[in-house]
Amino acid sequence: MSPVETVLVFVVIPAAIYGVVALLTLRERAAKTPRYRPGQDWDYPAVWWTANPAGAAQPAHSTDEEDTAQHARTAWGGARGSW
C-alpha cells in the first residue's frame, strides 16, 4: 500500500464523512417550525402536566381539624450525617 493510498484511506475518507455529517446538522430545514422568542405573544393553549391526573381535581390542602391530625408530622427527617 503506497503512502498516498494510506492517507486517502485513513485521512481523506473519514474527513469527508465527518464533513458530510457536519453539513447535514448545520443546514437549515425547509419544514422548520417558527420558534418562540421572549416578548412574543403566546398563541397556544396552556398545557398542564401532572403525574396523577385523577388527583389534579383535589384541593391542595384541607382545613379540617381531623384531616390535619391525620397528617401530623410524627418523624423528623432530613439530610444529616448523625446516623
N, C-alpha and C. Protein backbone atom coordinates (compact mmCIF):
# COMPACT_ATOMS: atom_id res chain seq x y z
N MET A 1 0.85 -1.17 0.00
CA MET A 1 0.00 0.00 0.00
C MET A 1 0.90 1.24 0.00
N SER A 2 0.67 2.14 -0.91
CA SER A 2 1.51 3.33 -1.03
C SER A 2 1.10 4.37 0.01
N PRO A 3 1.98 5.34 0.30
CA PRO A 3 1.62 6.39 1.26
C PRO A 3 0.41 7.21 0.83
N VAL A 4 0.22 7.41 -0.45
CA VAL A 4 -0.94 8.15 -0.95
C VAL A 4 -2.23 7.38 -0.64
N GLU A 5 -2.22 6.08 -0.86
CA GLU A 5 -3.40 5.27 -0.55
C GLU A 5 -3.67 5.26 0.95
N THR A 6 -2.62 5.22 1.74
CA THR A 6 -2.77 5.21 3.19
C THR A 6 -3.42 6.51 3.67
N VAL A 7 -2.93 7.63 3.17
CA VAL A 7 -3.51 8.93 3.55
C VAL A 7 -4.95 9.02 3.06
N LEU A 8 -5.22 8.52 1.87
CA LEU A 8 -6.57 8.55 1.33
C LEU A 8 -7.53 7.75 2.21
N VAL A 9 -7.11 6.56 2.60
CA VAL A 9 -7.99 5.67 3.37
C VAL A 9 -8.16 6.15 4.80
N PHE A 10 -7.07 6.60 5.45
CA PHE A 10 -7.14 6.91 6.88
C PHE A 10 -7.36 8.39 7.20
N VAL A 11 -7.27 9.29 6.22
CA VAL A 11 -7.44 10.71 6.49
C VAL A 11 -8.56 11.31 5.65
N VAL A 12 -8.47 11.17 4.33
CA VAL A 12 -9.40 11.87 3.46
C VAL A 12 -10.82 11.30 3.55
N ILE A 13 -10.95 10.00 3.52
CA ILE A 13 -12.30 9.40 3.57
C ILE A 13 -13.00 9.68 4.91
N PRO A 14 -12.34 9.48 6.07
CA PRO A 14 -13.02 9.84 7.33
C PRO A 14 -13.31 11.34 7.44
N ALA A 15 -12.42 12.20 6.95
CA ALA A 15 -12.68 13.64 6.98
C ALA A 15 -13.88 14.00 6.11
N ALA A 16 -14.02 13.33 4.98
CA ALA A 16 -15.18 13.58 4.11
C ALA A 16 -16.47 13.13 4.80
N ILE A 17 -16.45 12.02 5.49
CA ILE A 17 -17.64 11.54 6.20
C ILE A 17 -18.02 12.52 7.30
N TYR A 18 -17.03 12.97 8.10
CA TYR A 18 -17.31 13.94 9.16
C TYR A 18 -17.82 15.25 8.56
N GLY A 19 -17.27 15.66 7.43
CA GLY A 19 -17.72 16.89 6.78
C GLY A 19 -19.16 16.80 6.33
N VAL A 20 -19.56 15.67 5.75
CA VAL A 20 -20.94 15.49 5.30
C VAL A 20 -21.89 15.51 6.49
N VAL A 21 -21.53 14.83 7.56
CA VAL A 21 -22.39 14.81 8.76
C VAL A 21 -22.50 16.22 9.34
N ALA A 22 -21.39 16.96 9.39
CA ALA A 22 -21.43 18.33 9.92
C ALA A 22 -22.31 19.21 9.06
N LEU A 23 -22.24 19.10 7.77
CA LEU A 23 -23.08 19.91 6.89
C LEU A 23 -24.55 19.57 7.04
N LEU A 24 -24.84 18.29 7.25
CA LEU A 24 -26.24 17.89 7.44
C LEU A 24 -26.82 18.44 8.74
N THR A 25 -26.00 18.55 9.77
CA THR A 25 -26.51 19.06 11.04
C THR A 25 -26.61 20.57 11.06
N LEU A 26 -25.86 21.25 10.22
CA LEU A 26 -25.86 22.71 10.23
C LEU A 26 -26.79 23.34 9.20
N ARG A 27 -27.36 22.54 8.35
CA ARG A 27 -28.20 23.09 7.30
C ARG A 27 -29.54 23.56 7.86
N GLU A 28 -30.16 24.48 7.18
CA GLU A 28 -31.49 24.96 7.55
C GLU A 28 -32.52 23.94 7.07
N ARG A 29 -33.47 23.68 7.88
CA ARG A 29 -34.52 22.73 7.47
C ARG A 29 -35.62 23.49 6.74
N ALA A 30 -36.13 22.88 5.70
CA ALA A 30 -37.17 23.53 4.90
C ALA A 30 -38.49 23.58 5.67
N ALA A 31 -38.79 22.56 6.44
CA ALA A 31 -40.06 22.50 7.17
C ALA A 31 -39.88 22.92 8.62
N LYS A 32 -39.02 23.88 8.86
CA LYS A 32 -38.72 24.31 10.21
C LYS A 32 -39.90 25.11 10.78
N THR A 33 -40.31 24.77 11.99
CA THR A 33 -41.39 25.50 12.64
C THR A 33 -40.84 26.78 13.26
N PRO A 34 -41.62 27.83 13.29
CA PRO A 34 -41.13 29.08 13.88
C PRO A 34 -40.92 28.91 15.38
N ARG A 35 -39.87 29.51 15.90
CA ARG A 35 -39.54 29.41 17.30
C ARG A 35 -40.16 30.54 18.09
N TYR A 36 -40.45 30.26 19.34
CA TYR A 36 -40.94 31.30 20.24
C TYR A 36 -39.75 32.11 20.74
N ARG A 37 -39.88 33.40 20.70
CA ARG A 37 -38.87 34.32 21.22
C ARG A 37 -39.47 35.10 22.38
N PRO A 38 -38.71 35.36 23.41
CA PRO A 38 -39.24 36.12 24.55
C PRO A 38 -39.81 37.47 24.09
N GLY A 39 -40.97 37.79 24.61
CA GLY A 39 -41.63 39.03 24.24
C GLY A 39 -42.71 38.84 23.20
N GLN A 40 -42.72 37.71 22.51
CA GLN A 40 -43.77 37.46 21.52
C GLN A 40 -45.03 37.01 22.24
N ASP A 41 -46.16 37.19 21.57
CA ASP A 41 -47.42 36.70 22.11
C ASP A 41 -47.43 35.18 22.06
N TRP A 42 -48.02 34.57 23.09
CA TRP A 42 -48.14 33.11 23.14
C TRP A 42 -49.54 32.77 22.65
N ASP A 43 -49.63 32.20 21.45
CA ASP A 43 -50.91 31.93 20.81
C ASP A 43 -51.39 30.50 21.01
N TYR A 44 -50.88 29.81 21.99
CA TYR A 44 -51.21 28.40 22.17
C TYR A 44 -51.91 28.22 23.51
N PRO A 45 -52.77 27.21 23.64
CA PRO A 45 -53.44 26.98 24.92
C PRO A 45 -52.45 26.46 25.96
N ALA A 46 -52.73 26.73 27.21
CA ALA A 46 -51.87 26.27 28.29
C ALA A 46 -51.96 24.76 28.43
N VAL A 47 -50.84 24.13 28.68
CA VAL A 47 -50.79 22.69 28.86
C VAL A 47 -50.23 22.42 30.25
N TRP A 48 -51.03 21.76 31.07
CA TRP A 48 -50.58 21.43 32.41
C TRP A 48 -50.33 19.94 32.48
N TRP A 49 -49.23 19.55 33.06
CA TRP A 49 -48.88 18.15 33.19
C TRP A 49 -48.88 17.78 34.65
N THR A 50 -49.44 16.61 34.93
CA THR A 50 -49.40 16.10 36.29
C THR A 50 -49.18 14.60 36.24
N ALA A 51 -48.49 14.08 37.22
CA ALA A 51 -48.23 12.65 37.28
C ALA A 51 -49.47 11.88 37.71
N ASN A 52 -50.41 12.55 38.36
CA ASN A 52 -51.62 11.91 38.84
C ASN A 52 -52.82 12.71 38.35
N PRO A 53 -53.31 12.44 37.12
CA PRO A 53 -54.43 13.22 36.61
C PRO A 53 -55.69 13.08 37.45
N ALA A 54 -55.90 11.94 38.11
CA ALA A 54 -57.09 11.75 38.92
C ALA A 54 -57.05 12.65 40.15
N GLY A 55 -55.86 12.93 40.65
CA GLY A 55 -55.74 13.76 41.84
C GLY A 55 -55.61 15.24 41.53
N ALA A 56 -55.64 15.60 40.28
CA ALA A 56 -55.46 17.00 39.91
C ALA A 56 -56.66 17.84 40.32
N ALA A 57 -57.84 17.24 40.42
CA ALA A 57 -59.04 17.99 40.77
C ALA A 57 -59.18 18.16 42.28
N GLN A 58 -58.38 17.47 43.07
CA GLN A 58 -58.47 17.58 44.52
C GLN A 58 -57.80 18.86 44.99
N PRO A 59 -58.28 19.44 46.08
CA PRO A 59 -57.65 20.66 46.59
C PRO A 59 -56.24 20.36 47.11
N ALA A 60 -55.43 21.38 47.16
CA ALA A 60 -54.04 21.21 47.60
C ALA A 60 -53.96 20.81 49.06
N HIS A 61 -54.78 21.40 49.91
CA HIS A 61 -54.81 21.02 51.32
C HIS A 61 -56.19 21.29 51.88
N SER A 62 -56.47 20.62 52.96
CA SER A 62 -57.77 20.77 53.60
C SER A 62 -57.60 21.53 54.90
N THR A 63 -58.66 22.20 55.34
CA THR A 63 -58.59 22.94 56.59
C THR A 63 -59.32 22.22 57.71
N ASP A 64 -59.80 21.01 57.46
CA ASP A 64 -60.49 20.26 58.51
C ASP A 64 -59.53 19.91 59.62
N GLU A 65 -60.04 19.94 60.85
CA GLU A 65 -59.18 19.68 62.01
C GLU A 65 -58.75 18.22 62.06
N GLU A 66 -59.64 17.28 61.75
CA GLU A 66 -59.27 15.86 61.79
C GLU A 66 -58.33 15.49 60.65
N ASP A 67 -58.45 16.18 59.53
CA ASP A 67 -57.55 15.91 58.42
C ASP A 67 -56.12 16.31 58.78
N THR A 68 -55.98 17.44 59.47
CA THR A 68 -54.63 17.85 59.87
C THR A 68 -54.08 16.93 60.94
N ALA A 69 -54.94 16.35 61.75
CA ALA A 69 -54.47 15.41 62.76
C ALA A 69 -53.97 14.13 62.11
N GLN A 70 -54.60 13.72 61.02
CA GLN A 70 -54.15 12.51 60.33
C GLN A 70 -52.78 12.71 59.72
N HIS A 71 -52.50 13.89 59.20
CA HIS A 71 -51.26 14.15 58.51
C HIS A 71 -50.25 14.89 59.39
N ALA A 72 -50.42 14.74 60.71
CA ALA A 72 -49.48 15.40 61.61
C ALA A 72 -48.10 14.77 61.45
N ARG A 73 -47.09 15.58 61.60
CA ARG A 73 -45.72 15.10 61.45
C ARG A 73 -45.33 14.30 62.67
N THR A 74 -44.94 13.06 62.48
CA THR A 74 -44.57 12.19 63.59
C THR A 74 -43.09 11.84 63.60
N ALA A 75 -42.42 12.09 62.54
CA ALA A 75 -40.99 11.75 62.47
C ALA A 75 -40.22 12.92 61.91
N TRP A 76 -38.99 13.00 62.32
CA TRP A 76 -38.14 14.07 61.82
C TRP A 76 -37.25 13.49 60.74
N GLY A 77 -37.13 14.18 59.68
CA GLY A 77 -36.29 13.71 58.59
C GLY A 77 -35.27 14.76 58.24
N GLY A 78 -34.57 14.50 57.18
CA GLY A 78 -33.60 15.48 56.73
C GLY A 78 -32.31 14.80 56.34
N ALA A 79 -31.43 15.57 55.82
CA ALA A 79 -30.15 15.04 55.39
C ALA A 79 -29.10 15.44 56.43
N ARG A 80 -28.93 14.57 57.42
CA ARG A 80 -27.94 14.82 58.45
C ARG A 80 -26.93 13.69 58.42
N GLY A 81 -25.76 13.98 58.91
CA GLY A 81 -24.74 12.96 58.96
C GLY A 81 -24.63 12.31 60.32
N SER A 82 -25.61 12.52 61.18
CA SER A 82 -25.57 11.93 62.53
C SER A 82 -26.44 10.67 62.56
N TRP A 83 -25.92 9.62 62.05
CA TRP A 83 -26.68 8.38 61.98
C TRP A 83 -26.47 7.62 63.22
